[in-house]
PDB file of all heavy atoms in Angstrom:
ATOM      1  N   ASP A   1       0.832  -1.206   0.000  1.00  0.00           N
ATOM      2  CA  ASP A   1       0.000   0.000   0.000  1.00  0.00           C
ATOM      3  C   ASP A   1       0.866   1.257   0.000  1.00  0.00           C
ATOM      4  O   ASP A   1       0.505   2.269  -0.616  1.00  0.00           O
ATOM      5  CB  ASP A   1      -0.938   0.002   1.199  1.00  0.00           C
ATOM      6  CG  ASP A   1      -2.060  -1.017   1.074  1.00  0.00           C
ATOM      7  OD1 ASP A   1      -2.371  -1.410  -0.081  1.00  0.00           O
ATOM      8  OD2 ASP A   1      -2.631  -1.428   2.108  1.00  0.00           O
ATOM      9  N   ARG A   2       1.991   1.201   0.690  1.00  0.00           N
ATOM     10  CA  ARG A   2       2.904   2.352   0.705  1.00  0.00           C
ATOM     11  C   ARG A   2       3.450   2.630  -0.690  1.00  0.00           C
ATOM     12  O   ARG A   2       3.565   3.781  -1.114  1.00  0.00           O
ATOM     13  CB  ARG A   2       4.044   2.097   1.683  1.00  0.00           C
ATOM     14  CG  ARG A   2       5.064   3.223   1.778  1.00  0.00           C
ATOM     15  CD  ARG A   2       6.034   2.987   2.917  1.00  0.00           C
ATOM     16  NE  ARG A   2       7.112   3.968   2.887  1.00  0.00           N
ATOM     17  CZ  ARG A   2       8.266   3.793   2.279  1.00  0.00           C
ATOM     18  NH1 ARG A   2       8.498   2.641   1.645  1.00  0.00           N
ATOM     19  NH2 ARG A   2       9.192   4.721   2.266  1.00  0.00           N
ATOM     20  N   ILE A   3       3.809   1.571  -1.413  1.00  0.00           N
ATOM     21  CA  ILE A   3       4.305   1.717  -2.781  1.00  0.00           C
ATOM     22  C   ILE A   3       3.243   2.364  -3.664  1.00  0.00           C
ATOM     23  O   ILE A   3       3.523   3.267  -4.452  1.00  0.00           O
ATOM     24  CB  ILE A   3       4.731   0.354  -3.348  1.00  0.00           C
ATOM     25  CG1 ILE A   3       5.973  -0.162  -2.615  1.00  0.00           C
ATOM     26  CG2 ILE A   3       5.008   0.446  -4.850  1.00  0.00           C
ATOM     27  CD1 ILE A   3       6.292  -1.615  -2.906  1.00  0.00           C
ATOM     28  N   LYS A   4       1.979   1.924  -3.524  1.00  0.00           N
ATOM     29  CA  LYS A   4       0.880   2.512  -4.286  1.00  0.00           C
ATOM     30  C   LYS A   4       0.723   3.988  -3.965  1.00  0.00           C
ATOM     31  O   LYS A   4       0.513   4.819  -4.853  1.00  0.00           O
ATOM     32  CB  LYS A   4      -0.422   1.780  -3.981  1.00  0.00           C
ATOM     33  CG  LYS A   4      -0.531   0.380  -4.539  1.00  0.00           C
ATOM     34  CD  LYS A   4      -1.887  -0.224  -4.156  1.00  0.00           C
ATOM     35  CE  LYS A   4      -2.012  -1.665  -4.596  1.00  0.00           C
ATOM     36  NZ  LYS A   4      -3.313  -2.267  -4.164  1.00  0.00           N
ATOM     37  N   PHE A   5       0.818   4.329  -2.686  1.00  0.00           N
ATOM     38  CA  PHE A   5       0.615   5.702  -2.248  1.00  0.00           C
ATOM     39  C   PHE A   5       1.705   6.628  -2.788  1.00  0.00           C
ATOM     40  O   PHE A   5       1.419   7.723  -3.282  1.00  0.00           O
ATOM     41  CB  PHE A   5       0.586   5.760  -0.718  1.00  0.00           C
ATOM     42  CG  PHE A   5       0.412   7.153  -0.171  1.00  0.00           C
ATOM     43  CD1 PHE A   5      -0.849   7.725  -0.100  1.00  0.00           C
ATOM     44  CD2 PHE A   5       1.507   7.883   0.270  1.00  0.00           C
ATOM     45  CE1 PHE A   5      -1.009   9.019   0.391  1.00  0.00           C
ATOM     46  CE2 PHE A   5       1.353   9.165   0.765  1.00  0.00           C
ATOM     47  CZ  PHE A   5       0.100   9.738   0.819  1.00  0.00           C
ATOM     48  N   ILE A   6       2.962   6.194  -2.692  1.00  0.00           N
ATOM     49  CA  ILE A   6       4.075   7.030  -3.157  1.00  0.00           C
ATOM     50  C   ILE A   6       4.054   7.163  -4.676  1.00  0.00           C
ATOM     51  O   ILE A   6       4.266   8.240  -5.228  1.00  0.00           O
ATOM     52  CB  ILE A   6       5.413   6.453  -2.668  1.00  0.00           C
ATOM     53  CG1 ILE A   6       5.478   6.529  -1.139  1.00  0.00           C
ATOM     54  CG2 ILE A   6       6.590   7.206  -3.273  1.00  0.00           C
ATOM     55  CD1 ILE A   6       6.694   5.852  -0.537  1.00  0.00           C
ATOM     56  N   GLY A   7       3.823   6.063  -5.365  1.00  0.00           N
ATOM     57  CA  GLY A   7       3.641   6.096  -6.810  1.00  0.00           C
ATOM     58  C   GLY A   7       4.903   5.921  -7.625  1.00  0.00           C
ATOM     59  O   GLY A   7       6.027   6.124  -7.148  1.00  0.00           O
ATOM     60  N   SER A   8       4.707   5.556  -8.865  1.00  0.00           N
ATOM     61  CA  SER A   8       5.822   5.218  -9.747  1.00  0.00           C
ATOM     62  C   SER A   8       6.700   6.410 -10.097  1.00  0.00           C
ATOM     63  O   SER A   8       7.908   6.269 -10.272  1.00  0.00           O
ATOM     64  CB  SER A   8       5.291   4.575 -11.034  1.00  0.00           C
ATOM     65  OG  SER A   8       4.449   5.478 -11.741  1.00  0.00           O
ATOM     66  N   ASP A   9       6.119   7.591 -10.221  1.00  0.00           N
ATOM     67  CA  ASP A   9       6.911   8.753 -10.624  1.00  0.00           C
ATOM     68  C   ASP A   9       8.042   9.023  -9.650  1.00  0.00           C
ATOM     69  O   ASP A   9       9.181   9.305 -10.075  1.00  0.00           O
ATOM     70  CB  ASP A   9       6.021   9.994 -10.748  1.00  0.00           C
ATOM     71  CG  ASP A   9       6.817  11.222 -11.187  1.00  0.00           C
ATOM     72  OD1 ASP A   9       7.379  11.191 -12.302  1.00  0.00           O
ATOM     73  OD2 ASP A   9       6.899  12.190 -10.403  1.00  0.00           O
ATOM     74  N   PHE A  10       7.770   8.921  -8.354  1.00  0.00           N
ATOM     75  CA  PHE A  10       8.827   9.169  -7.379  1.00  0.00           C
ATOM     76  C   PHE A  10       9.919   8.119  -7.486  1.00  0.00           C
ATOM     77  O   PHE A  10      11.103   8.456  -7.576  1.00  0.00           O
ATOM     78  CB  PHE A  10       8.269   9.177  -5.954  1.00  0.00           C
ATOM     79  CG  PHE A  10       9.356   9.267  -4.911  1.00  0.00           C
ATOM     80  CD1 PHE A  10       9.942  10.488  -4.597  1.00  0.00           C
ATOM     81  CD2 PHE A  10       9.835   8.119  -4.279  1.00  0.00           C
ATOM     82  CE1 PHE A  10      10.967  10.571  -3.660  1.00  0.00           C
ATOM     83  CE2 PHE A  10      10.854   8.194  -3.345  1.00  0.00           C
ATOM     84  CZ  PHE A  10      11.412   9.417  -3.042  1.00  0.00           C
ATOM     85  N   PHE A  11       9.525   6.858  -7.473  1.00  0.00           N
ATOM     86  CA  PHE A  11      10.530   5.801  -7.476  1.00  0.00           C
ATOM     87  C   PHE A  11      11.355   5.805  -8.767  1.00  0.00           C
ATOM     88  O   PHE A  11      12.588   5.687  -8.732  1.00  0.00           O
ATOM     89  CB  PHE A  11       9.864   4.438  -7.284  1.00  0.00           C
ATOM     90  CG  PHE A  11       9.400   4.191  -5.875  1.00  0.00           C
ATOM     91  CD1 PHE A  11       8.044   4.053  -5.603  1.00  0.00           C
ATOM     92  CD2 PHE A  11      10.289   4.091  -4.833  1.00  0.00           C
ATOM     93  CE1 PHE A  11       7.594   3.813  -4.310  1.00  0.00           C
ATOM     94  CE2 PHE A  11       9.864   3.858  -3.531  1.00  0.00           C
ATOM     95  CZ  PHE A  11       8.505   3.723  -3.272  1.00  0.00           C
ATOM     96  N   LEU A  12      10.707   5.953  -9.895  1.00  0.00           N
ATOM     97  CA  LEU A  12      11.400   5.840 -11.172  1.00  0.00           C
ATOM     98  C   LEU A  12      12.200   7.085 -11.547  1.00  0.00           C
ATOM     99  O   LEU A  12      13.239   6.990 -12.204  1.00  0.00           O
ATOM    100  CB  LEU A  12      10.405   5.534 -12.291  1.00  0.00           C
ATOM    101  CG  LEU A  12       9.714   4.168 -12.226  1.00  0.00           C
ATOM    102  CD1 LEU A  12       8.605   4.079 -13.263  1.00  0.00           C
ATOM    103  CD2 LEU A  12      10.718   3.035 -12.424  1.00  0.00           C
ATOM    104  N   ASN A  13      11.745   8.252 -11.126  1.00  0.00           N
ATOM    105  CA  ASN A  13      12.344   9.499 -11.612  1.00  0.00           C
ATOM    106  C   ASN A  13      12.990  10.377 -10.549  1.00  0.00           C
ATOM    107  O   ASN A  13      13.863  11.185 -10.874  1.00  0.00           O
ATOM    108  CB  ASN A  13      11.278  10.322 -12.352  1.00  0.00           C
ATOM    109  CG  ASN A  13      10.658   9.562 -13.503  1.00  0.00           C
ATOM    110  OD1 ASN A  13      11.368   8.962 -14.325  1.00  0.00           O
ATOM    111  ND2 ASN A  13       9.333   9.567 -13.593  1.00  0.00           N
ATOM    112  N   LYS A  14      12.588  10.244  -9.294  1.00  0.00           N
ATOM    113  CA  LYS A  14      13.066  11.167  -8.271  1.00  0.00           C
ATOM    114  C   LYS A  14      13.925  10.501  -7.185  1.00  0.00           C
ATOM    115  O   LYS A  14      14.794  11.160  -6.609  1.00  0.00           O
ATOM    116  CB  LYS A  14      11.871  11.873  -7.625  1.00  0.00           C
ATOM    117  CG  LYS A  14      11.063  12.697  -8.621  1.00  0.00           C
ATOM    118  CD  LYS A  14       9.800  13.257  -7.994  1.00  0.00           C
ATOM    119  CE  LYS A  14       8.964  14.004  -9.039  1.00  0.00           C
ATOM    120  NZ  LYS A  14       7.684  14.484  -8.463  1.00  0.00           N
ATOM    121  N   SER A  15      13.679   9.262  -6.911  1.00  0.00           N
ATOM    122  CA  SER A  15      14.446   8.561  -5.885  1.00  0.00           C
ATOM    123  C   SER A  15      15.921   8.498  -6.250  1.00  0.00           C
ATOM    124  O   SER A  15      16.281   8.319  -7.409  1.00  0.00           O
ATOM    125  CB  SER A  15      13.902   7.146  -5.692  1.00  0.00           C
ATOM    126  OG  SER A  15      14.757   6.379  -4.868  1.00  0.00           O
ATOM    127  N   LYS A  16      16.794   8.623  -5.253  1.00  0.00           N
ATOM    128  CA  LYS A  16      18.237   8.534  -5.449  1.00  0.00           C
ATOM    129  C   LYS A  16      18.769   7.129  -5.202  1.00  0.00           C
ATOM    130  O   LYS A  16      19.966   6.869  -5.334  1.00  0.00           O
ATOM    131  CB  LYS A  16      18.952   9.518  -4.517  1.00  0.00           C
ATOM    132  CG  LYS A  16      18.554  10.973  -4.720  1.00  0.00           C
ATOM    133  CD  LYS A  16      18.864  11.467  -6.116  1.00  0.00           C
ATOM    134  CE  LYS A  16      18.535  12.945  -6.286  1.00  0.00           C
ATOM    135  NZ  LYS A  16      18.770  13.415  -7.685  1.00  0.00           N
ATOM    136  N   THR A  17      17.901   6.204  -4.849  1.00  0.00           N
ATOM    137  CA  THR A  17      18.341   4.850  -4.514  1.00  0.00           C
ATOM    138  C   THR A  17      17.603   3.757  -5.271  1.00  0.00           C
ATOM    139  O   THR A  17      18.123   2.655  -5.425  1.00  0.00           O
ATOM    140  CB  THR A  17      18.158   4.576  -3.010  1.00  0.00           C
ATOM    141  OG1 THR A  17      16.752   4.633  -2.677  1.00  0.00           O
ATOM    142  CG2 THR A  17      18.938   5.594  -2.172  1.00  0.00           C
ATOM    143  N   PHE A  18      16.395   4.038  -5.756  1.00  0.00           N
ATOM    144  CA  PHE A  18      15.570   2.978  -6.337  1.00  0.00           C
ATOM    145  C   PHE A  18      16.087   2.513  -7.690  1.00  0.00           C
ATOM    146  O   PHE A  18      16.423   3.302  -8.560  1.00  0.00           O
ATOM    147  CB  PHE A  18      14.121   3.446  -6.492  1.00  0.00           C
ATOM    148  CG  PHE A  18      13.246   2.420  -7.172  1.00  0.00           C
ATOM    149  CD1 PHE A  18      12.790   1.312  -6.473  1.00  0.00           C
ATOM    150  CD2 PHE A  18      12.915   2.536  -8.516  1.00  0.00           C
ATOM    151  CE1 PHE A  18      12.007   0.346  -7.097  1.00  0.00           C
ATOM    152  CE2 PHE A  18      12.144   1.581  -9.143  1.00  0.00           C
ATOM    153  CZ  PHE A  18      11.677   0.487  -8.428  1.00  0.00           C
ATOM    154  N   CYS A  19      16.111   1.197  -7.857  1.00  0.00           N
ATOM    155  CA  CYS A  19      16.410   0.561  -9.145  1.00  0.00           C
ATOM    156  C   CYS A  19      15.423  -0.580  -9.332  1.00  0.00           C
ATOM    157  O   CYS A  19      15.232  -1.403  -8.432  1.00  0.00           O
ATOM    158  CB  CYS A  19      17.845   0.044  -9.174  1.00  0.00           C
ATOM    159  SG  CYS A  19      18.274  -0.849 -10.704  1.00  0.00           S
ATOM    160  N   ILE A  20      14.812  -0.669 -10.478  1.00  0.00           N
ATOM    161  CA  ILE A  20      13.753  -1.642 -10.709  1.00  0.00           C
ATOM    162  C   ILE A  20      14.267  -3.079 -10.866  1.00  0.00           C
ATOM    163  O   ILE A  20      13.526  -4.045 -10.721  1.00  0.00           O
ATOM    164  CB  ILE A  20      12.914  -1.243 -11.943  1.00  0.00           C
ATOM    165  CG1 ILE A  20      11.563  -1.969 -11.929  1.00  0.00           C
ATOM    166  CG2 ILE A  20      13.698  -1.494 -13.244  1.00  0.00           C
ATOM    167  CD1 ILE A  20      10.576  -1.424 -12.951  1.00  0.00           C
ATOM    168  N   LEU A  21      15.562  -3.249 -11.132  1.00  0.00           N
ATOM    169  CA  LEU A  21      16.089  -4.564 -11.473  1.00  0.00           C
ATOM    170  C   LEU A  21      15.806  -5.652 -10.430  1.00  0.00           C
ATOM    171  O   LEU A  21      15.452  -6.782 -10.809  1.00  0.00           O
ATOM    172  CB  LEU A  21      17.594  -4.484 -11.751  1.00  0.00           C
ATOM    173  CG  LEU A  21      18.015  -3.757 -13.035  1.00  0.00           C
ATOM    174  CD1 LEU A  21      19.515  -3.937 -13.268  1.00  0.00           C
ATOM    175  CD2 LEU A  21      17.226  -4.230 -14.247  1.00  0.00           C
ATOM    176  N   PRO A  22      15.965  -5.416  -9.121  1.00  0.00           N
ATOM    177  CA  PRO A  22      15.751  -6.514  -8.160  1.00  0.00           C
ATOM    178  C   PRO A  22      14.332  -7.073  -8.140  1.00  0.00           C
ATOM    179  O   PRO A  22      14.078  -8.081  -7.472  1.00  0.00           O
ATOM    180  CB  PRO A  22      16.105  -5.873  -6.803  1.00  0.00           C
ATOM    181  CG  PRO A  22      17.018  -4.747  -7.145  1.00  0.00           C
ATOM    182  CD  PRO A  22      16.502  -4.221  -8.435  1.00  0.00           C
ATOM    183  N   TRP A  23      13.399  -6.440  -8.861  1.00  0.00           N
ATOM    184  CA  TRP A  23      12.025  -6.923  -8.918  1.00  0.00           C
ATOM    185  C   TRP A  23      11.716  -7.728 -10.193  1.00  0.00           C
ATOM    186  O   TRP A  23      10.680  -8.363 -10.260  1.00  0.00           O
ATOM    187  CB  TRP A  23      11.054  -5.743  -8.819  1.00  0.00           C
ATOM    188  CG  TRP A  23      10.864  -5.259  -7.418  1.00  0.00           C
ATOM    189  CD1 TRP A  23       9.884  -5.630  -6.539  1.00  0.00           C
ATOM    190  CD2 TRP A  23      11.675  -4.324  -6.705  1.00  0.00           C
ATOM    191  NE1 TRP A  23      10.041  -4.984  -5.344  1.00  0.00           N
ATOM    192  CE2 TRP A  23      11.138  -4.163  -5.411  1.00  0.00           C
ATOM    193  CE3 TRP A  23      12.817  -3.585  -7.045  1.00  0.00           C
ATOM    194  CZ2 TRP A  23      11.678  -3.318  -4.462  1.00  0.00           C
ATOM    195  CZ3 TRP A  23      13.361  -2.742  -6.082  1.00  0.00           C
ATOM    196  CH2 TRP A  23      12.801  -2.611  -4.817  1.00  0.00           C
ATOM    197  N   MET A  24      12.613  -7.701 -11.182  1.00  0.00           N
ATOM    198  CA  MET A  24      12.269  -8.375 -12.437  1.00  0.00           C
ATOM    199  C   MET A  24      13.490  -8.859 -13.219  1.00  0.00           C
ATOM    200  O   MET A  24      13.346  -9.293 -14.352  1.00  0.00           O
ATOM    201  CB  MET A  24      11.435  -7.423 -13.331  1.00  0.00           C
ATOM    202  CG  MET A  24      11.858  -5.948 -13.400  1.00  0.00           C
ATOM    203  SD  MET A  24      13.413  -5.593 -14.223  1.00  0.00           S
ATOM    204  CE  MET A  24      12.924  -6.012 -15.891  1.00  0.00           C
ATOM    205  N   HIS A  25      14.638  -8.856 -12.603  1.00  0.00           N
ATOM    206  CA  HIS A  25      15.881  -9.156 -13.299  1.00  0.00           C
ATOM    207  C   HIS A  25      16.699 -10.167 -12.519  1.00  0.00           C
ATOM    208  O   HIS A  25      16.686 -10.190 -11.284  1.00  0.00           O
ATOM    209  CB  HIS A  25      16.692  -7.862 -13.476  1.00  0.00           C
ATOM    210  CG  HIS A  25      18.093  -8.061 -13.971  1.00  0.00           C
ATOM    211  ND1 HIS A  25      18.396  -8.615 -15.184  1.00  0.00           N
ATOM    212  CD2 HIS A  25      19.292  -7.757 -13.408  1.00  0.00           C
ATOM    213  CE1 HIS A  25      19.707  -8.642 -15.358  1.00  0.00           C
ATOM    214  NE2 HIS A  25      20.274  -8.140 -14.288  1.00  0.00           N
ATOM    215  N   MET A  26      17.415 -11.005 -13.249  1.00  0.00           N
ATOM    216  CA  MET A  26      18.355 -11.923 -12.623  1.00  0.00           C
ATOM    217  C   MET A  26      19.675 -11.880 -13.397  1.00  0.00           C
ATOM    218  O   MET A  26      19.694 -12.060 -14.618  1.00  0.00           O
ATOM    219  CB  MET A  26      17.788 -13.341 -12.600  1.00  0.00           C
ATOM    220  CG  MET A  26      18.613 -14.327 -11.785  1.00  0.00           C
ATOM    221  SD  MET A  26      17.716 -15.859 -11.392  1.00  0.00           S
ATOM    222  CE  MET A  26      17.443 -16.551 -13.027  1.00  0.00           C
ATOM    223  N   TYR A  27      20.750 -11.597 -12.671  1.00  0.00           N
ATOM    224  CA  TYR A  27      22.089 -11.638 -13.242  1.00  0.00           C
ATOM    225  C   TYR A  27      22.790 -12.892 -12.746  1.00  0.00           C
ATOM    226  O   TYR A  27      22.973 -13.083 -11.542  1.00  0.00           O
ATOM    227  CB  TYR A  27      22.897 -10.396 -12.843  1.00  0.00           C
ATOM    228  CG  TYR A  27      24.390 -10.533 -13.127  1.00  0.00           C
ATOM    229  CD1 TYR A  27      24.882 -10.399 -14.417  1.00  0.00           C
ATOM    230  CD2 TYR A  27      25.294 -10.805 -12.109  1.00  0.00           C
ATOM    231  CE1 TYR A  27      26.243 -10.536 -14.683  1.00  0.00           C
ATOM    232  CE2 TYR A  27      26.654 -10.939 -12.369  1.00  0.00           C
ATOM    233  CZ  TYR A  27      27.118 -10.806 -13.650  1.00  0.00           C
ATOM    234  OH  TYR A  27      28.461 -10.953 -13.918  1.00  0.00           O
TER     235      TYR A  27
END
């Protein structure tokens, strides 16, 4: 619910730490 509230714009464009890879990527 917190992720929904904050929203994608913050995480994808404004956050200084967020990276989407750990949710959909495997190295």
